[in-house]
Protein backbone atom coordinates (compact mmCIF):
# COMPACT_ATOMS: atom_id res chain seq x y z
CA MET A 1 22.38 -17.11 -12.00
CA LEU A 2 21.11 -13.57 -11.46
CA ASP A 3 18.19 -14.16 -13.82
CA HIS A 4 17.34 -17.31 -11.88
CA GLU A 5 17.48 -15.47 -8.55
CA TYR A 6 15.20 -12.69 -9.82
CA ASP A 7 12.75 -15.25 -11.18
CA LEU A 8 12.64 -16.96 -7.80
CA ALA A 9 12.26 -13.60 -6.05
CA ARG A 10 9.31 -12.66 -8.24
CA LYS A 11 7.67 -16.01 -7.51
CA VAL A 12 8.08 -15.42 -3.77
CA GLN A 13 6.66 -11.92 -4.13
CA ASN A 14 3.69 -13.07 -6.20
CA ALA A 15 2.91 -15.81 -3.70
CA ALA A 16 2.75 -13.20 -0.94
CA LEU A 17 0.19 -11.03 -2.77
CA PRO A 18 -3.49 -11.75 -2.21
CA ALA A 19 -5.91 -12.33 -5.06
CA VAL A 20 -8.68 -9.74 -5.14
CA GLN A 21 -11.31 -12.47 -5.23
CA ALA A 22 -9.93 -13.78 -1.91
CA LEU A 23 -11.76 -10.94 -0.15
CA ALA A 24 -15.03 -9.98 -1.79
CA ARG A 25 -17.43 -8.00 0.39
CA PRO A 26 -20.60 -6.12 -0.59
CA GLU A 27 -19.61 -3.21 1.67
CA MET A 28 -16.40 -2.40 -0.20
CA ASP A 29 -14.75 -2.60 -3.60
CA TRP A 30 -10.98 -2.95 -3.78
CA PHE A 31 -8.30 -3.71 -6.32
CA ALA A 32 -4.50 -3.60 -6.42
CA LEU A 33 -1.74 -3.88 -8.99
CA LEU A 34 2.00 -4.32 -8.54
CA ALA A 35 4.46 -4.04 -11.44
CA PRO A 36 7.85 -5.23 -10.15
CA THR A 37 11.19 -4.35 -11.65
CA ARG A 38 13.57 -7.02 -12.78
CA GLN A 39 15.62 -6.33 -9.64
CA MET A 40 12.70 -6.97 -7.23
CA ARG A 41 12.86 -3.89 -5.01
CA GLY A 42 10.25 -4.92 -2.44
CA ASP A 43 6.82 -3.25 -2.77
CA PHE A 44 3.90 -5.12 -1.23
CA TYR A 45 0.19 -4.78 -0.51
CA ASP A 46 -2.46 -6.76 1.32
CA CYS A 47 -6.15 -6.71 2.15
CA PHE A 48 -7.70 -9.22 4.54
CA ALA A 49 -10.54 -9.63 7.01
CA ILE A 50 -9.78 -9.73 10.74
CA ALA A 51 -13.39 -10.03 11.94
CA GLU A 52 -16.82 -10.29 10.40
CA GLN A 53 -17.04 -6.53 9.89
CA ARG A 54 -13.39 -5.39 9.94
CA VAL A 55 -10.85 -5.36 7.12
CA VAL A 56 -7.14 -4.48 7.06
CA PHE A 57 -5.68 -2.89 3.93
CA LEU A 58 -2.11 -1.73 3.43
CA VAL A 59 0.64 -0.77 1.02
CA GLY A 60 4.33 -0.76 1.89
CA LYS A 61 7.85 -0.67 0.56
CA ILE A 62 10.97 -2.45 1.77
CA SER A 63 14.03 -0.26 1.18
CA GLY A 64 17.69 -1.10 0.71
CA LYS A 65 17.17 -4.63 -0.57
CA ASN A 66 16.63 -6.28 -3.93
CA GLY A 67 16.43 -9.74 -5.41
CA MET A 68 15.84 -12.63 -3.06
CA ALA A 69 16.72 -10.55 0.01
CA ALA A 70 13.81 -8.22 -0.73
CA ALA A 71 11.46 -11.13 -1.46
CA THR A 72 12.40 -12.89 1.78
CA GLN A 73 11.87 -9.78 3.89
CA LEU A 74 8.62 -9.11 2.07
CA ALA A 75 7.36 -12.58 2.97
CA LEU A 76 8.43 -12.04 6.59
CA MET A 77 6.64 -8.68 6.76
CA ARG A 78 3.45 -10.15 5.32
CA GLY A 79 3.61 -12.98 7.85
CA LEU A 80 4.04 -10.53 10.72
CA LEU A 81 1.08 -8.45 9.55
CA ARG A 82 -1.19 -11.43 8.99
CA ALA A 83 -0.32 -12.98 12.36
CA ALA A 84 -0.66 -9.75 14.37
CA ASP A 85 -3.18 -9.34 17.17
CA TRP A 86 -5.61 -6.98 15.47
CA ARG A 87 -7.77 -6.80 18.59
CA THR A 88 -5.22 -4.20 19.74
CA PRO A 89 -5.03 -0.67 18.26
CA VAL A 90 -3.29 -0.39 14.91
CA ASN A 91 -0.34 1.57 16.33
CA GLU A 92 0.34 -1.21 18.87
CA VAL A 93 0.38 -3.71 16.02
CA VAL A 94 2.98 -1.56 14.28
CA VAL A 95 5.10 -1.28 17.44
CA HIS A 96 5.20 -5.09 17.63
CA ILE A 97 6.18 -5.33 13.96
CA ASN A 98 8.87 -2.68 14.43
CA HIS A 99 10.37 -4.71 17.28
CA ALA A 100 10.55 -7.72 14.97
CA ALA A 101 12.05 -5.62 12.17
CA THR A 102 14.80 -4.32 14.47
CA ASN A 103 15.74 -7.77 15.69
CA ASP A 104 19.49 -8.07 15.08
CA ASP A 105 19.15 -11.72 14.11
CA ARG A 106 17.14 -10.74 11.04
CA GLY A 107 19.44 -8.00 9.78
CA GLU A 108 18.36 -4.50 8.84
CA MET A 109 14.84 -4.08 7.51
CA PHE A 110 13.54 -0.60 6.65
CA VAL A 111 9.90 -0.44 5.67
CA THR A 112 7.50 2.38 4.85
CA LEU A 113 3.90 1.37 5.42
CA PHE A 114 0.40 2.78 5.34
CA VAL A 115 -2.03 0.46 7.10
CA GLY A 116 -5.73 1.02 7.71
CA VAL A 117 -8.42 -0.93 9.56
CA LEU A 118 -11.90 -0.29 8.15
CA ASP A 119 -15.16 -1.08 9.93
CA LEU A 120 -17.46 -2.21 7.12
CA ALA A 121 -20.61 -1.55 9.13
CA THR A 122 -19.88 2.11 9.92
CA GLY A 123 -17.04 3.29 7.67
CA ASP A 124 -14.91 4.06 10.73
CA LEU A 125 -11.23 3.92 9.86
CA GLU A 126 -8.19 3.72 12.09
CA PHE A 127 -4.82 3.94 10.45
CA CYS A 128 -1.10 4.38 10.92
CA ASN A 129 1.30 5.95 8.44
CA CYS A 130 4.88 4.76 8.94
CA GLY A 131 6.87 7.11 6.74
CA HIS A 132 4.82 6.27 3.65
CA THR A 133 3.23 8.51 1.03
CA PRO A 134 -0.28 9.41 2.23
CA PRO A 135 -3.24 8.08 0.23
CA LEU A 136 -4.89 10.15 -2.45
CA LEU A 137 -8.42 11.43 -1.99
CA PRO A 138 -10.69 13.27 -4.41
CA ALA A 139 -10.16 17.03 -4.21
CA GLY A 140 -13.50 17.64 -2.52
CA ASP A 141 -12.70 15.20 0.27
CA ARG A 142 -9.17 16.36 1.15
CA GLU A 143 -10.19 18.98 3.70
CA LYS A 144 -12.76 16.65 5.25
CA HIS A 145 -10.14 13.91 5.64
CA ALA A 146 -7.14 16.10 6.38
CA ALA A 147 -5.70 13.57 8.86
CA LEU A 148 -5.15 11.07 6.06
CA GLY A 149 -2.64 13.45 4.51
CA ALA A 150 -0.87 14.29 7.76
CA VAL A 151 2.82 13.61 8.33
CA GLY A 152 3.29 10.01 9.36
CA SER A 153 5.28 8.27 12.06
CA ALA A 154 8.76 6.77 11.81
CA ILE A 155 9.80 4.27 9.17
CA ILE A 156 9.59 0.71 10.49
CA GLY A 157 13.07 -0.53 11.37
CA SER A 158 14.60 2.90 11.92
CA THR A 159 14.78 2.55 15.71
CA ARG A 160 13.63 -0.14 18.10
CA ASN A 161 11.93 2.26 20.52
CA ALA A 162 9.91 4.15 17.89
CA THR A 163 6.35 5.10 18.78
CA TYR A 164 3.53 5.25 16.24
CA LEU A 165 0.51 7.48 15.98
CA ARG A 166 -2.95 5.96 15.84
CA GLN A 167 -5.25 8.15 13.77
CA ARG A 168 -8.97 7.90 13.03
CA ASP A 169 -11.38 8.98 10.33
CA THR A 170 -14.72 7.91 8.86
CA LEU A 171 -15.44 7.14 5.22
CA ALA A 172 -18.87 7.88 3.81
CA PRO A 173 -20.44 5.49 1.28
CA GLY A 174 -18.85 6.04 -2.11
CA GLU A 175 -15.63 7.61 -0.80
CA THR A 176 -12.47 6.20 -2.33
CA LEU A 177 -8.80 6.03 -1.31
CA LEU A 178 -5.79 5.33 -3.50
CA LEU A 179 -2.69 3.98 -1.75
CA TYR A 180 0.50 3.85 -3.80
CA THR A 181 4.30 3.70 -3.73
CA ASP A 182 6.78 6.19 -5.14
CA GLY A 183 7.52 3.95 -8.11
CA LEU A 184 4.50 5.58 -9.75
CA THR A 185 5.48 9.19 -9.08
CA ASP A 186 9.19 8.58 -9.81
CA ALA A 187 8.46 7.00 -13.19
CA GLU A 188 10.38 8.80 -15.97
CA THR A 189 10.21 9.34 -19.71
CA PRO A 190 13.15 8.43 -21.98
CA LYS A 191 14.24 12.06 -21.51
CA HIS A 192 14.08 11.67 -17.70
CA ASP A 193 10.99 13.81 -17.17
CA ARG A 194 9.38 12.66 -13.91
CA TYR A 195 5.69 11.73 -13.69
CA GLY A 196 5.40 13.33 -10.25
CA GLU A 197 2.70 13.88 -7.66
CA GLU A 198 0.81 16.55 -9.61
CA ARG A 199 0.24 14.30 -12.61
CA LEU A 200 -0.78 11.43 -10.37
CA ARG A 201 -3.26 13.62 -8.53
CA ALA A 202 -4.67 14.97 -11.81
CA GLY A 203 -5.00 11.46 -13.16
CA TRP A 204 -6.72 10.34 -9.99
CA GLU A 205 -9.24 13.17 -10.29
CA ARG A 206 -10.14 11.91 -13.77
CA LEU A 207 -10.43 8.32 -12.61
CA ARG A 208 -11.89 8.58 -9.11
CA ASP A 209 -15.42 8.09 -10.44
CA ALA A 210 -14.48 5.03 -12.47
CA PRO A 211 -17.17 2.34 -12.19
CA THR A 212 -14.94 -0.03 -10.22
CA ALA A 213 -11.77 0.05 -8.13
CA GLN A 214 -10.14 -2.12 -10.80
CA ALA A 215 -10.94 0.39 -13.52
CA ALA A 216 -9.47 3.20 -11.40
CA VAL A 217 -6.19 1.40 -10.69
CA VAL A 218 -5.75 0.15 -14.26
CA GLY A 219 -6.42 3.69 -15.46
CA VAL A 220 -3.68 5.07 -13.21
CA PHE A 221 -1.18 2.48 -14.45
CA ASN A 222 -2.10 3.15 -18.08
CA ASP A 223 -1.63 6.89 -17.56
CA VAL A 224 1.86 6.34 -16.12
CA ALA A 225 2.75 3.91 -18.92
CA GLN A 226 1.68 6.36 -21.61
CA PHE A 227 3.64 9.18 -19.99
CA THR A 228 6.81 7.07 -19.84
CA ASP A 229 6.37 5.76 -23.39
CA HIS A 230 5.91 2.28 -21.89
CA LEU A 231 9.47 2.03 -20.57
CA ASP A 232 10.09 -0.83 -18.16
CA PRO A 233 9.88 0.43 -14.56
CA THR A 234 13.12 1.11 -12.73
CA ASP A 235 11.33 0.80 -9.39
CA ASP A 236 8.32 -1.25 -8.32
CA ARG A 237 4.99 0.42 -9.07
CA THR A 238 2.11 -0.36 -6.73
CA ALA A 239 -1.37 1.01 -6.19
CA LEU A 240 -4.32 -0.17 -4.12
CA CYS A 241 -7.78 1.37 -4.35
CA VAL A 242 -10.39 1.01 -1.61
CA ARG A 243 -13.94 2.25 -2.17
CA TYR A 244 -16.32 2.09 0.79
CA LEU A 245 -19.83 1.22 -0.38
CA GLY A 246 -21.64 1.39 2.97
CA GLY A 247 -22.81 -1.07 5.59
CA LYS A 248 -25.40 -3.72 4.98
CA LYS A 249 -28.95 -2.39 4.90
């Protein structure tokens, strides 16, 4: 029965994840991978257009749930994000989602989330970090984009009256972000050595100039797999790479 529930949960999760070919734009290159555990812990990602020249991308993690409960809350969170009024600032979108997450009728839902809205014409980026790990940037870009690594706002679901910080930045053509969940950094070897942030950052430096976003993400996953001697993950592993290529000429 448990195996059947986990199979159903994985099917629900997979149905909620977008195919990369569903959003192909000449101004950006993106790719994502999610390796779920057998227990279905609740990582998710998305990338979708909200206007002709604006795209939402995000990575998040639902905590405290597994199996079908995690899959159901994941589907609910994706629905809330897709149905949001993206004409409003990103932090107001998150406030609305937090109100839904703290609705007593739905039970507790605790979510970390990094969500960005990218203007494909200009590279302008507005984003909100809700208790999530900040995205990785190449070493040379970290000082320029210091806000992307700043401490985020509250976890979604922690309190109904939480406020969220709207932050802004601008990506230049060729600049690349890697969003991820802690399943990558918490991955362990058979001797319980942890992969950690330093190895992930070093691996990202080697892969940031990969020819495509897909090559960069697959390279990160392969690096983690080799470090852990290809052990099955004990927590979901997720990464999403966004490379801004510049507005239409």
